[in-house]
């Protein structure tokens, strides 16, 4: 599990992005990052957000490697 400690700038960036979103799924991605920053595990976050711990891990990795724009890509065709 990758450790995550958000900077103040990252927290502001996430808060600003969250306020502009209307898709619950994307808001969950930001929430997952905020909860990881508070020290919760992927399993705990998955239980809260009703997602697998692997999904939480994927979101964290995307954010750490590629940034917020990649995290907030919505490609679901459903």
N, C-alpha and C. Protein backbone atom coordinates (compact mmCIF):
# COMPACT_ATOMS: atom_id res chain seq x y z
N UNK A 1 0.85 -1.17 0.00
CA UNK A 1 0.00 0.00 0.00
C UNK A 1 0.89 1.24 0.00
N UNK A 2 0.72 2.08 -0.99
CA UNK A 2 1.53 3.29 -1.10
C UNK A 2 1.12 4.27 -0.02
N UNK A 3 2.12 4.82 0.64
CA UNK A 3 1.82 5.86 1.63
C UNK A 3 1.44 7.12 0.89
N UNK A 4 0.53 7.86 1.50
CA UNK A 4 0.11 9.10 0.88
C UNK A 4 0.02 10.17 1.97
N UNK A 5 0.65 11.28 1.72
CA UNK A 5 0.56 12.44 2.60
C UNK A 5 0.38 13.63 1.68
N UNK A 6 -0.83 14.12 1.64
CA UNK A 6 -1.16 15.23 0.75
C UNK A 6 -0.57 16.54 1.27
N UNK A 7 -0.05 17.33 0.35
CA UNK A 7 0.40 18.67 0.70
C UNK A 7 -0.83 19.58 0.84
N UNK A 8 -0.62 20.73 1.41
CA UNK A 8 -1.73 21.69 1.52
C UNK A 8 -2.25 22.08 0.14
N UNK A 9 -1.36 22.22 -0.82
CA UNK A 9 -1.76 22.57 -2.19
C UNK A 9 -2.61 21.45 -2.81
N UNK A 10 -2.20 20.20 -2.57
CA UNK A 10 -2.98 19.07 -3.10
C UNK A 10 -4.36 19.01 -2.46
N UNK A 11 -4.42 19.27 -1.17
CA UNK A 11 -5.72 19.27 -0.48
C UNK A 11 -6.65 20.34 -1.06
N UNK A 12 -6.10 21.50 -1.31
CA UNK A 12 -6.89 22.59 -1.90
C UNK A 12 -7.34 22.21 -3.30
N UNK A 13 -6.44 21.64 -4.08
CA UNK A 13 -6.76 21.20 -5.44
C UNK A 13 -7.90 20.17 -5.42
N UNK A 14 -7.83 19.21 -4.51
CA UNK A 14 -8.87 18.19 -4.40
C UNK A 14 -10.20 18.81 -3.96
N UNK A 15 -10.14 19.71 -2.98
CA UNK A 15 -11.36 20.37 -2.52
C UNK A 15 -12.02 21.16 -3.65
N UNK A 16 -11.22 21.90 -4.40
CA UNK A 16 -11.75 22.69 -5.51
C UNK A 16 -12.37 21.80 -6.59
N UNK A 17 -11.69 20.72 -6.91
CA UNK A 17 -12.22 19.79 -7.92
C UNK A 17 -13.52 19.16 -7.43
N UNK A 18 -13.56 18.79 -6.17
CA UNK A 18 -14.75 18.15 -5.60
C UNK A 18 -15.98 19.05 -5.70
N UNK A 19 -15.79 20.32 -5.47
CA UNK A 19 -16.91 21.27 -5.52
C UNK A 19 -17.48 21.42 -6.93
N UNK A 20 -16.69 21.11 -7.94
CA UNK A 20 -17.13 21.28 -9.32
C UNK A 20 -17.70 20.00 -9.94
N UNK A 21 -17.61 18.89 -9.22
CA UNK A 21 -18.04 17.61 -9.77
C UNK A 21 -19.52 17.35 -9.53
N UNK A 22 -20.13 16.63 -10.48
CA UNK A 22 -21.51 16.22 -10.30
C UNK A 22 -21.68 14.71 -10.38
N UNK A 23 -20.62 13.98 -10.63
CA UNK A 23 -20.68 12.52 -10.68
C UNK A 23 -20.22 11.96 -9.33
N UNK A 24 -21.12 11.20 -8.71
CA UNK A 24 -20.80 10.63 -7.40
C UNK A 24 -19.55 9.76 -7.45
N UNK A 25 -19.36 9.03 -8.55
CA UNK A 25 -18.20 8.16 -8.67
C UNK A 25 -16.89 8.95 -8.60
N UNK A 26 -16.86 10.10 -9.21
CA UNK A 26 -15.63 10.91 -9.19
C UNK A 26 -15.42 11.52 -7.81
N UNK A 27 -16.50 11.88 -7.15
CA UNK A 27 -16.39 12.41 -5.79
C UNK A 27 -15.84 11.33 -4.87
N UNK A 28 -16.23 10.08 -5.08
CA UNK A 28 -15.70 8.97 -4.28
C UNK A 28 -14.19 8.85 -4.45
N UNK A 29 -13.69 9.10 -5.63
CA UNK A 29 -12.25 9.00 -5.86
C UNK A 29 -11.50 10.04 -5.02
N UNK A 30 -12.03 11.24 -4.99
CA UNK A 30 -11.40 12.29 -4.17
C UNK A 30 -11.53 11.96 -2.69
N UNK A 31 -12.69 11.48 -2.29
CA UNK A 31 -12.91 11.09 -0.90
C UNK A 31 -11.92 10.01 -0.49
N UNK A 32 -11.68 9.06 -1.38
CA UNK A 32 -10.72 7.99 -1.07
C UNK A 32 -9.34 8.56 -0.78
N UNK A 33 -8.91 9.52 -1.57
CA UNK A 33 -7.60 10.14 -1.34
C UNK A 33 -7.56 10.88 -0.01
N UNK A 34 -8.62 11.59 0.30
CA UNK A 34 -8.67 12.32 1.56
C UNK A 34 -8.63 11.37 2.75
N UNK A 35 -9.33 10.24 2.64
CA UNK A 35 -9.33 9.27 3.72
C UNK A 35 -7.98 8.58 3.86
N UNK A 36 -7.31 8.30 2.75
CA UNK A 36 -5.96 7.73 2.82
C UNK A 36 -5.01 8.70 3.50
N UNK A 37 -5.16 9.99 3.20
CA UNK A 37 -4.33 11.01 3.83
C UNK A 37 -4.55 11.02 5.34
N UNK A 38 -5.75 10.66 5.78
CA UNK A 38 -6.06 10.62 7.22
C UNK A 38 -5.60 9.32 7.87
N UNK A 39 -5.05 8.40 7.05
CA UNK A 39 -4.47 7.20 7.61
C UNK A 39 -5.32 5.94 7.51
N UNK A 40 -6.48 6.02 6.88
CA UNK A 40 -7.31 4.84 6.71
C UNK A 40 -6.69 3.91 5.67
N UNK A 41 -6.93 2.62 5.83
CA UNK A 41 -6.42 1.63 4.87
C UNK A 41 -7.35 1.54 3.67
N UNK A 42 -6.85 0.91 2.60
CA UNK A 42 -7.68 0.70 1.41
C UNK A 42 -8.92 -0.13 1.75
N UNK A 43 -8.76 -1.11 2.62
CA UNK A 43 -9.89 -1.95 3.01
C UNK A 43 -10.94 -1.12 3.74
N UNK A 44 -10.51 -0.29 4.68
CA UNK A 44 -11.45 0.56 5.42
C UNK A 44 -12.18 1.53 4.49
N UNK A 45 -11.42 2.13 3.59
CA UNK A 45 -12.02 3.08 2.65
C UNK A 45 -12.98 2.36 1.72
N UNK A 46 -12.59 1.18 1.26
CA UNK A 46 -13.46 0.39 0.40
C UNK A 46 -14.78 0.07 1.06
N UNK A 47 -14.74 -0.25 2.34
CA UNK A 47 -15.97 -0.53 3.07
C UNK A 47 -16.86 0.71 3.16
N UNK A 48 -16.26 1.86 3.40
CA UNK A 48 -17.01 3.11 3.50
C UNK A 48 -17.63 3.48 2.16
N UNK A 49 -16.84 3.36 1.09
CA UNK A 49 -17.29 3.81 -0.23
C UNK A 49 -17.93 2.70 -1.07
N UNK A 50 -18.00 1.50 -0.50
CA UNK A 50 -18.56 0.33 -1.19
C UNK A 50 -17.82 0.03 -2.50
N UNK A 51 -16.51 0.01 -2.40
CA UNK A 51 -15.61 -0.33 -3.50
C UNK A 51 -14.59 -1.33 -2.98
N UNK A 52 -13.96 -2.06 -3.89
CA UNK A 52 -12.94 -3.01 -3.46
C UNK A 52 -11.68 -2.27 -3.04
N UNK A 53 -10.90 -2.93 -2.19
CA UNK A 53 -9.64 -2.32 -1.79
C UNK A 53 -8.71 -2.16 -2.98
N UNK A 54 -8.82 -3.04 -4.00
CA UNK A 54 -8.00 -2.92 -5.20
C UNK A 54 -8.38 -1.65 -5.98
N UNK A 55 -9.67 -1.35 -6.05
CA UNK A 55 -10.11 -0.12 -6.72
C UNK A 55 -9.52 1.10 -6.02
N UNK A 56 -9.57 1.10 -4.70
CA UNK A 56 -9.00 2.23 -3.94
C UNK A 56 -7.51 2.35 -4.25
N UNK A 57 -6.82 1.22 -4.24
CA UNK A 57 -5.39 1.22 -4.56
C UNK A 57 -5.14 1.77 -5.95
N UNK A 58 -5.95 1.36 -6.91
CA UNK A 58 -5.80 1.86 -8.29
C UNK A 58 -5.96 3.38 -8.33
N UNK A 59 -6.97 3.90 -7.66
CA UNK A 59 -7.21 5.35 -7.66
C UNK A 59 -6.02 6.10 -7.06
N UNK A 60 -5.50 5.59 -5.96
CA UNK A 60 -4.35 6.23 -5.31
C UNK A 60 -3.15 6.23 -6.25
N UNK A 61 -2.89 5.10 -6.88
CA UNK A 61 -1.75 4.99 -7.80
C UNK A 61 -1.90 5.93 -8.99
N UNK A 62 -3.10 6.01 -9.53
CA UNK A 62 -3.34 6.93 -10.65
C UNK A 62 -3.04 8.36 -10.23
N UNK A 63 -3.54 8.74 -9.07
CA UNK A 63 -3.32 10.11 -8.58
C UNK A 63 -1.83 10.38 -8.36
N UNK A 64 -1.14 9.44 -7.72
CA UNK A 64 0.27 9.66 -7.40
C UNK A 64 1.14 9.70 -8.65
N UNK A 65 0.81 8.89 -9.66
CA UNK A 65 1.62 8.82 -10.86
C UNK A 65 1.24 9.85 -11.92
N UNK A 66 -0.07 10.13 -12.04
CA UNK A 66 -0.53 10.93 -13.17
C UNK A 66 -1.28 12.20 -12.80
N UNK A 67 -1.64 12.36 -11.54
CA UNK A 67 -2.28 13.59 -11.10
C UNK A 67 -3.80 13.55 -11.15
N UNK A 68 -4.37 14.67 -10.76
CA UNK A 68 -5.81 14.77 -10.60
C UNK A 68 -6.58 14.63 -11.91
N UNK A 69 -6.04 15.15 -12.99
CA UNK A 69 -6.75 15.06 -14.27
C UNK A 69 -6.97 13.61 -14.69
N UNK A 70 -5.98 12.78 -14.50
CA UNK A 70 -6.13 11.36 -14.84
C UNK A 70 -7.10 10.68 -13.89
N UNK A 71 -7.03 11.04 -12.62
CA UNK A 71 -7.94 10.46 -11.63
C UNK A 71 -9.40 10.74 -11.99
N UNK A 72 -9.65 11.91 -12.52
CA UNK A 72 -11.02 12.33 -12.79
C UNK A 72 -11.49 12.05 -14.20
N UNK A 73 -10.76 11.22 -14.95
CA UNK A 73 -11.21 10.79 -16.27
C UNK A 73 -12.42 9.89 -16.09
N UNK A 74 -13.46 10.13 -16.85
CA UNK A 74 -14.66 9.29 -16.78
C UNK A 74 -14.87 8.66 -18.12
N UNK A 75 -14.54 7.38 -18.22
CA UNK A 75 -14.63 6.68 -19.50
C UNK A 75 -15.68 5.58 -19.49
N UNK A 76 -16.53 5.58 -18.50
CA UNK A 76 -17.54 4.53 -18.36
C UNK A 76 -18.62 4.72 -19.42
N UNK A 77 -18.89 3.67 -20.16
CA UNK A 77 -19.89 3.72 -21.23
C UNK A 77 -21.22 3.12 -20.79
N UNK A 78 -21.19 2.28 -19.73
CA UNK A 78 -22.36 1.61 -19.16
C UNK A 78 -23.38 1.28 -20.11
